[in-house]
Amino acid sequence: MSEGDAALAYKMVAERDNETVRVERESTYVIVAKARVWASEGWKVVITDKDGKSYPPEEFDKLLAA
């Protein structure tokens, strides 16, 4: 697998009304920061790690502690 084909470690999905936004990042800090901003704006946000475990906003700190 080449470097460009590597799957990113974290995926964020933010949903509100009829809109969905998806963001993928390698950095835990960047994805948590983005997710917190979206959540503060009233979006329902979940982060999923490379193992498929999902984290709602109240568990974002667990990602940073890992």
PDB file of N, CA and C in Angstrom:
ATOM      1  N   MET A   1       0.856  -1.170   0.000  1.00  0.00           N
ATOM      2  CA  MET A   1       0.000   0.000   0.000  1.00  0.00           C
ATOM      3  C   MET A   1       0.899   1.229   0.000  1.00  0.00           C
ATOM      4  N   SER A   2       0.629   2.150  -0.875  1.00  0.00           N
ATOM      5  CA  SER A   2       1.425   3.374  -0.942  1.00  0.00           C
ATOM      6  C   SER A   2       0.937   4.363   0.097  1.00  0.00           C
ATOM      7  N   GLU A   3       1.740   5.381   0.367  1.00  0.00           N
ATOM      8  CA  GLU A   3       1.401   6.366   1.389  1.00  0.00           C
ATOM      9  C   GLU A   3       0.069   7.046   1.103  1.00  0.00           C
ATOM     10  N   GLY A   4      -0.240   7.319  -0.128  1.00  0.00           N
ATOM     11  CA  GLY A   4      -1.479   7.987  -0.486  1.00  0.00           C
ATOM     12  C   GLY A   4      -2.714   7.126  -0.310  1.00  0.00           C
ATOM     13  N   ASP A   5      -2.520   5.808  -0.218  1.00  0.00           N
ATOM     14  CA  ASP A   5      -3.640   4.881  -0.075  1.00  0.00           C
ATOM     15  C   ASP A   5      -3.986   4.579   1.380  1.00  0.00           C
ATOM     16  N   ALA A   6      -3.162   5.026   2.308  1.00  0.00           N
ATOM     17  CA  ALA A   6      -3.373   4.708   3.721  1.00  0.00           C
ATOM     18  C   ALA A   6      -4.683   5.310   4.221  1.00  0.00           C
ATOM     19  N   ALA A   7      -5.421   4.521   4.994  1.00  0.00           N
ATOM     20  CA  ALA A   7      -6.667   5.011   5.581  1.00  0.00           C
ATOM     21  C   ALA A   7      -6.327   5.932   6.747  1.00  0.00           C
ATOM     22  N   LEU A   8      -7.083   7.001   6.863  1.00  0.00           N
ATOM     23  CA  LEU A   8      -6.854   7.923   7.964  1.00  0.00           C
ATOM     24  C   LEU A   8      -7.408   7.309   9.254  1.00  0.00           C
ATOM     25  N   ALA A   9      -6.783   7.639  10.357  1.00  0.00           N
ATOM     26  CA  ALA A   9      -7.086   6.977  11.622  1.00  0.00           C
ATOM     27  C   ALA A   9      -8.421   7.374  12.233  1.00  0.00           C
ATOM     28  N   TYR A  10      -8.863   8.616  12.011  1.00  0.00           N
ATOM     29  CA  TYR A  10     -10.069   9.099  12.679  1.00  0.00           C
ATOM     30  C   TYR A  10     -11.044   9.692  11.684  1.00  0.00           C
ATOM     31  N   LYS A  11     -12.321   9.360  11.885  1.00  0.00           N
ATOM     32  CA  LYS A  11     -13.388   9.899  11.040  1.00  0.00           C
ATOM     33  C   LYS A  11     -14.404  10.590  11.934  1.00  0.00           C
ATOM     34  N   MET A  12     -14.811  11.778  11.544  1.00  0.00           N
ATOM     35  CA  MET A  12     -15.833  12.517  12.265  1.00  0.00           C
ATOM     36  C   MET A  12     -17.054  12.634  11.367  1.00  0.00           C
ATOM     37  N   VAL A  13     -18.219  12.397  11.942  1.00  0.00           N
ATOM     38  CA  VAL A  13     -19.474  12.612  11.234  1.00  0.00           C
ATOM     39  C   VAL A  13     -20.289  13.586  12.074  1.00  0.00           C
ATOM     40  N   ALA A  14     -20.695  14.676  11.447  1.00  0.00           N
ATOM     41  CA  ALA A  14     -21.530  15.685  12.106  1.00  0.00           C
ATOM     42  C   ALA A  14     -22.845  15.767  11.341  1.00  0.00           C
ATOM     43  N   GLU A  15     -23.955  15.705  12.081  1.00  0.00           N
ATOM     44  CA  GLU A  15     -25.273  15.745  11.455  1.00  0.00           C
ATOM     45  C   GLU A  15     -26.143  16.792  12.132  1.00  0.00           C
ATOM     46  N   ARG A  16     -26.911  17.495  11.312  1.00  0.00           N
ATOM     47  CA  ARG A  16     -27.881  18.471  11.814  1.00  0.00           C
ATOM     48  C   ARG A  16     -28.926  18.672  10.735  1.00  0.00           C
ATOM     49  N   ASP A  17     -30.184  18.623  11.137  1.00  0.00           N
ATOM     50  CA  ASP A  17     -31.295  18.744  10.195  1.00  0.00           C
ATOM     51  C   ASP A  17     -31.102  17.719   9.079  1.00  0.00           C
ATOM     52  N   ASN A  18     -31.027  18.157   7.852  1.00  0.00           N
ATOM     53  CA  ASN A  18     -30.847  17.233   6.724  1.00  0.00           C
ATOM     54  C   ASN A  18     -29.433  17.277   6.165  1.00  0.00           C
ATOM     55  N   GLU A  19     -28.486  17.752   6.969  1.00  0.00           N
ATOM     56  CA  GLU A  19     -27.103  17.883   6.510  1.00  0.00           C
ATOM     57  C   GLU A  19     -26.194  16.896   7.230  1.00  0.00           C
ATOM     58  N   THR A  20     -25.207  16.393   6.512  1.00  0.00           N
ATOM     59  CA  THR A  20     -24.182  15.522   7.082  1.00  0.00           C
ATOM     60  C   THR A  20     -22.831  15.978   6.570  1.00  0.00           C
ATOM     61  N   VAL A  21     -21.872  16.092   7.494  1.00  0.00           N
ATOM     62  CA  VAL A  21     -20.504  16.469   7.137  1.00  0.00           C
ATOM     63  C   VAL A  21     -19.584  15.361   7.620  1.00  0.00           C
ATOM     64  N   ARG A  22     -18.677  14.932   6.747  1.00  0.00           N
ATOM     65  CA  ARG A  22     -17.697  13.904   7.110  1.00  0.00           C
ATOM     66  C   ARG A  22     -16.295  14.478   6.964  1.00  0.00           C
ATOM     67  N   VAL A  23     -15.457  14.213   7.978  1.00  0.00           N
ATOM     68  CA  VAL A  23     -14.073  14.687   7.974  1.00  0.00           C
ATOM     69  C   VAL A  23     -13.197  13.525   8.412  1.00  0.00           C
ATOM     70  N   GLU A  24     -12.059  13.350   7.746  1.00  0.00           N
ATOM     71  CA  GLU A  24     -11.094  12.325   8.134  1.00  0.00           C
ATOM     72  C   GLU A  24      -9.753  12.988   8.396  1.00  0.00           C
ATOM     73  N   ARG A  25      -9.112  12.574   9.495  1.00  0.00           N
ATOM     74  CA  ARG A  25      -7.810  13.127   9.864  1.00  0.00           C
ATOM     75  C   ARG A  25      -6.959  12.045  10.510  1.00  0.00           C
ATOM     76  N   GLU A  26      -5.678  12.213  10.447  1.00  0.00           N
ATOM     77  CA  GLU A  26      -4.733  11.305  11.092  1.00  0.00           C
ATOM     78  C   GLU A  26      -4.499  11.715  12.541  1.00  0.00           C
ATOM     79  N   SER A  27      -4.545  13.000  12.832  1.00  0.00           N
ATOM     80  CA  SER A  27      -4.229  13.525  14.153  1.00  0.00           C
ATOM     81  C   SER A  27      -5.432  13.485  15.098  1.00  0.00           C
ATOM     82  N   THR A  28      -5.222  12.906  16.271  1.00  0.00           N
ATOM     83  CA  THR A  28      -6.264  12.883  17.299  1.00  0.00           C
ATOM     84  C   THR A  28      -6.635  14.296  17.710  1.00  0.00           C
ATOM     85  N   TYR A  29      -5.630  15.135  17.921  1.00  0.00           N
ATOM     86  CA  TYR A  29      -5.882  16.500  18.396  1.00  0.00           C
ATOM     87  C   TYR A  29      -6.681  17.310  17.387  1.00  0.00           C
ATOM     88  N   VAL A  30      -6.373  17.163  16.116  1.00  0.00           N
ATOM     89  CA  VAL A  30      -7.080  17.924  15.080  1.00  0.00           C
ATOM     90  C   VAL A  30      -8.536  17.460  14.962  1.00  0.00           C
ATOM     91  N   ILE A  31      -8.754  16.158  14.959  1.00  0.00           N
ATOM     92  CA  ILE A  31     -10.132  15.671  14.798  1.00  0.00           C
ATOM     93  C   ILE A  31     -10.979  16.032  16.017  1.00  0.00           C
ATOM     94  N   VAL A  32     -10.399  15.953  17.223  1.00  0.00           N
ATOM     95  CA  VAL A  32     -11.153  16.316  18.431  1.00  0.00           C
ATOM     96  C   VAL A  32     -11.466  17.812  18.426  1.00  0.00           C
ATOM     97  N   ALA A  33     -10.508  18.637  18.038  1.00  0.00           N
ATOM     98  CA  ALA A  33     -10.740  20.083  17.982  1.00  0.00           C
ATOM     99  C   ALA A  33     -11.857  20.410  16.994  1.00  0.00           C
ATOM    100  N   LYS A  34     -11.810  19.813  15.812  1.00  0.00           N
ATOM    101  CA  LYS A  34     -12.855  20.047  14.810  1.00  0.00           C
ATOM    102  C   LYS A  34     -14.212  19.571  15.327  1.00  0.00           C
ATOM    103  N   ALA A  35     -14.234  18.398  15.932  1.00  0.00           N
ATOM    104  CA  ALA A  35     -15.493  17.834  16.427  1.00  0.00           C
ATOM    105  C   ALA A  35     -16.093  18.711  17.524  1.00  0.00           C
ATOM    106  N   ARG A  36     -15.249  19.238  18.393  1.00  0.00           N
ATOM    107  CA  ARG A  36     -15.754  20.109  19.463  1.00  0.00           C
ATOM    108  C   ARG A  36     -16.368  21.387  18.899  1.00  0.00           C
ATOM    109  N   VAL A  37     -15.766  21.929  17.856  1.00  0.00           N
ATOM    110  CA  VAL A  37     -16.321  23.129  17.223  1.00  0.00           C
ATOM    111  C   VAL A  37     -17.690  22.816  16.631  1.00  0.00           C
ATOM    112  N   TRP A  38     -17.782  21.731  15.871  1.00  0.00           N
ATOM    113  CA  TRP A  38     -19.065  21.359  15.263  1.00  0.00           C
ATOM    114  C   TRP A  38     -20.113  21.117  16.346  1.00  0.00           C
ATOM    115  N   ALA A  39     -19.744  20.400  17.426  1.00  0.00           N
ATOM    116  CA  ALA A  39     -20.692  20.120  18.508  1.00  0.00           C
ATOM    117  C   ALA A  39     -21.152  21.410  19.179  1.00  0.00           C
ATOM    118  N   SER A  40     -20.255  22.374  19.337  1.00  0.00           N
ATOM    119  CA  SER A  40     -20.622  23.644  19.973  1.00  0.00           C
ATOM    120  C   SER A  40     -21.589  24.454  19.117  1.00  0.00           C
ATOM    121  N   GLU A  41     -21.630  24.152  17.832  1.00  0.00           N
ATOM    122  CA  GLU A  41     -22.544  24.833  16.911  1.00  0.00           C
ATOM    123  C   GLU A  41     -23.884  24.105  16.784  1.00  0.00           C
ATOM    124  N   GLY A  42     -24.101  23.088  17.625  1.00  0.00           N
ATOM    125  CA  GLY A  42     -25.382  22.396  17.630  1.00  0.00           C
ATOM    126  C   GLY A  42     -25.474  21.151  16.769  1.00  0.00           C
ATOM    127  N   TRP A  43     -24.354  20.695  16.244  1.00  0.00           N
ATOM    128  CA  TRP A  43     -24.348  19.491  15.425  1.00  0.00           C
ATOM    129  C   TRP A  43     -24.225  18.261  16.316  1.00  0.00           C
ATOM    130  N   LYS A  44     -24.824  17.147  15.888  1.00  0.00           N
ATOM    131  CA  LYS A  44     -24.645  15.855  16.546  1.00  0.00           C
ATOM    132  C   LYS A  44     -23.367  15.258  15.954  1.00  0.00           C
ATOM    133  N   VAL A  45     -22.360  15.054  16.795  1.00  0.00           N
ATOM    134  CA  VAL A  45     -21.034  14.671  16.305  1.00  0.00           C
ATOM    135  C   VAL A  45     -20.587  13.355  16.930  1.00  0.00           C
ATOM    136  N   VAL A  46     -19.966  12.509  16.100  1.00  0.00           N
ATOM    137  CA  VAL A  46     -19.367  11.258  16.565  1.00  0.00           C
ATOM    138  C   VAL A  46     -18.025  11.105  15.863  1.00  0.00           C
ATOM    139  N   ILE A  47     -17.016  10.669  16.627  1.00  0.00           N
ATOM    140  CA  ILE A  47     -15.706  10.347  16.052  1.00  0.00           C
ATOM    141  C   ILE A  47     -15.558   8.832  16.091  1.00  0.00           C
ATOM    142  N   THR A  48     -15.071   8.254  15.001  1.00  0.00           N
ATOM    143  CA  THR A  48     -14.803   6.827  14.939  1.00  0.00           C
ATOM    144  C   THR A  48     -13.314   6.629  14.718  1.00  0.00           C
ATOM    145  N   ASP A  49     -12.702   5.729  15.509  1.00  0.00           N
ATOM    146  CA  ASP A  49     -11.266   5.483  15.349  1.00  0.00           C
ATOM    147  C   ASP A  49     -11.031   4.378  14.321  1.00  0.00           C
ATOM    148  N   LYS A  50      -9.768   4.074  14.069  1.00  0.00           N
ATOM    149  CA  LYS A  50      -9.412   3.090  13.029  1.00  0.00           C
ATOM    150  C   LYS A  50      -9.907   1.687  13.350  1.00  0.00           C
ATOM    151  N   ASP A  51     -10.210   1.422  14.634  1.00  0.00           N
ATOM    152  CA  ASP A  51     -10.721   0.118  15.042  1.00  0.00           C
ATOM    153  C   ASP A  51     -12.243   0.040  14.979  1.00  0.00           C
ATOM    154  N   GLY A  52     -12.893   1.168  14.595  1.00  0.00           N
ATOM    155  CA  GLY A  52     -14.341   1.188  14.468  1.00  0.00           C
ATOM    156  C   GLY A  52     -15.078   1.583  15.735  1.00  0.00           C
ATOM    157  N   LYS A  53     -14.352   1.941  16.793  1.00  0.00           N
ATOM    158  CA  LYS A  53     -15.000   2.378  18.043  1.00  0.00           C
ATOM    159  C   LYS A  53     -15.463   3.818  17.888  1.00  0.00           C
ATOM    160  N   SER A  54     -16.696   4.085  18.287  1.00  0.00           N
ATOM    161  CA  SER A  54     -17.274   5.426  18.170  1.00  0.00           C
ATOM    162  C   SER A  54     -17.229   6.165  19.495  1.00  0.00           C
ATOM    163  N   TYR A  55     -16.991   7.472  19.425  1.00  0.00           N
ATOM    164  CA  TYR A  55     -16.898   8.333  20.593  1.00  0.00           C
ATOM    165  C   TYR A  55     -17.826   9.533  20.432  1.00  0.00           C
ATOM    166  N   PRO A  56     -18.830   9.671  21.302  1.00  0.00           N
ATOM    167  CA  PRO A  56     -19.652  10.877  21.305  1.00  0.00           C
ATOM    168  C   PRO A  56     -18.891  11.998  22.011  1.00  0.00           C
ATOM    169  N   PRO A  57     -19.372  13.233  21.960  1.00  0.00           N
ATOM    170  CA  PRO A  57     -18.650  14.370  22.551  1.00  0.00           C
ATOM    171  C   PRO A  57     -18.213  14.170  23.999  1.00  0.00           C
ATOM    172  N   GLU A  58     -19.031  13.528  24.821  1.00  0.00           N
ATOM    173  CA  GLU A  58     -18.662  13.354  26.223  1.00  0.00           C
ATOM    174  C   GLU A  58     -17.497  12.385  26.413  1.00  0.00           C
ATOM    175  N   GLU A  59     -17.086  11.682  25.351  1.00  0.00           N
ATOM    176  CA  GLU A  59     -15.955  10.753  25.436  1.00  0.00           C
ATOM    177  C   GLU A  59     -14.738  11.212  24.627  1.00  0.00           C
ATOM    178  N   PHE A  60     -14.755  12.416  24.077  1.00  0.00           N
ATOM    179  CA  PHE A  60     -13.617  12.895  23.284  1.00  0.00           C
ATOM    180  C   PHE A  60     -12.310  12.888  24.069  1.00  0.00           C
ATOM    181  N   ASP A  61     -12.395  13.160  25.384  1.00  0.00           N
ATOM    182  CA  ASP A  61     -11.184  13.176  26.198  1.00  0.00           C
ATOM    183  C   ASP A  61     -10.497  11.803  26.237  1.00  0.00           C
ATOM    184  N   LYS A  62     -11.258  10.738  26.074  1.00  0.00           N
ATOM    185  CA  LYS A  62     -10.673   9.393  26.042  1.00  0.00           C
ATOM    186  C   LYS A  62      -9.738   9.241  24.844  1.00  0.00           C
ATOM    187  N   LEU A  63     -10.077   9.886  23.738  1.00  0.00           N
ATOM    188  CA  LEU A  63      -9.202   9.826  22.554  1.00  0.00           C
ATOM    189  C   LEU A  63      -7.886  10.529  22.813  1.00  0.00           C
ATOM    190  N   LEU A  64      -7.937  11.642  23.533  1.00  0.00           N
ATOM    191  CA  LEU A  64      -6.734  12.414  23.808  1.00  0.00           C
ATOM    192  C   LEU A  64      -5.855  11.735  24.847  1.00  0.00           C
ATOM    193  N   ALA A  65      -6.443  10.919  25.718  1.00  0.00           N
ATOM    194  CA  ALA A  65      -5.686  10.242  26.769  1.00  0.00           C
ATOM    195  C   ALA A  65      -4.979   8.994  26.245  1.00  0.00           C
ATOM    196  N   ALA A  66      -5.417   8.501  25.103  1.00  0.00           N
ATOM    197  CA  ALA A  66      -4.858   7.248  24.568  1.00  0.00           C
ATOM    198  C   ALA A  66      -3.446   7.426  24.063  1.00  0.00           C
TER     199      ALA A  66
END
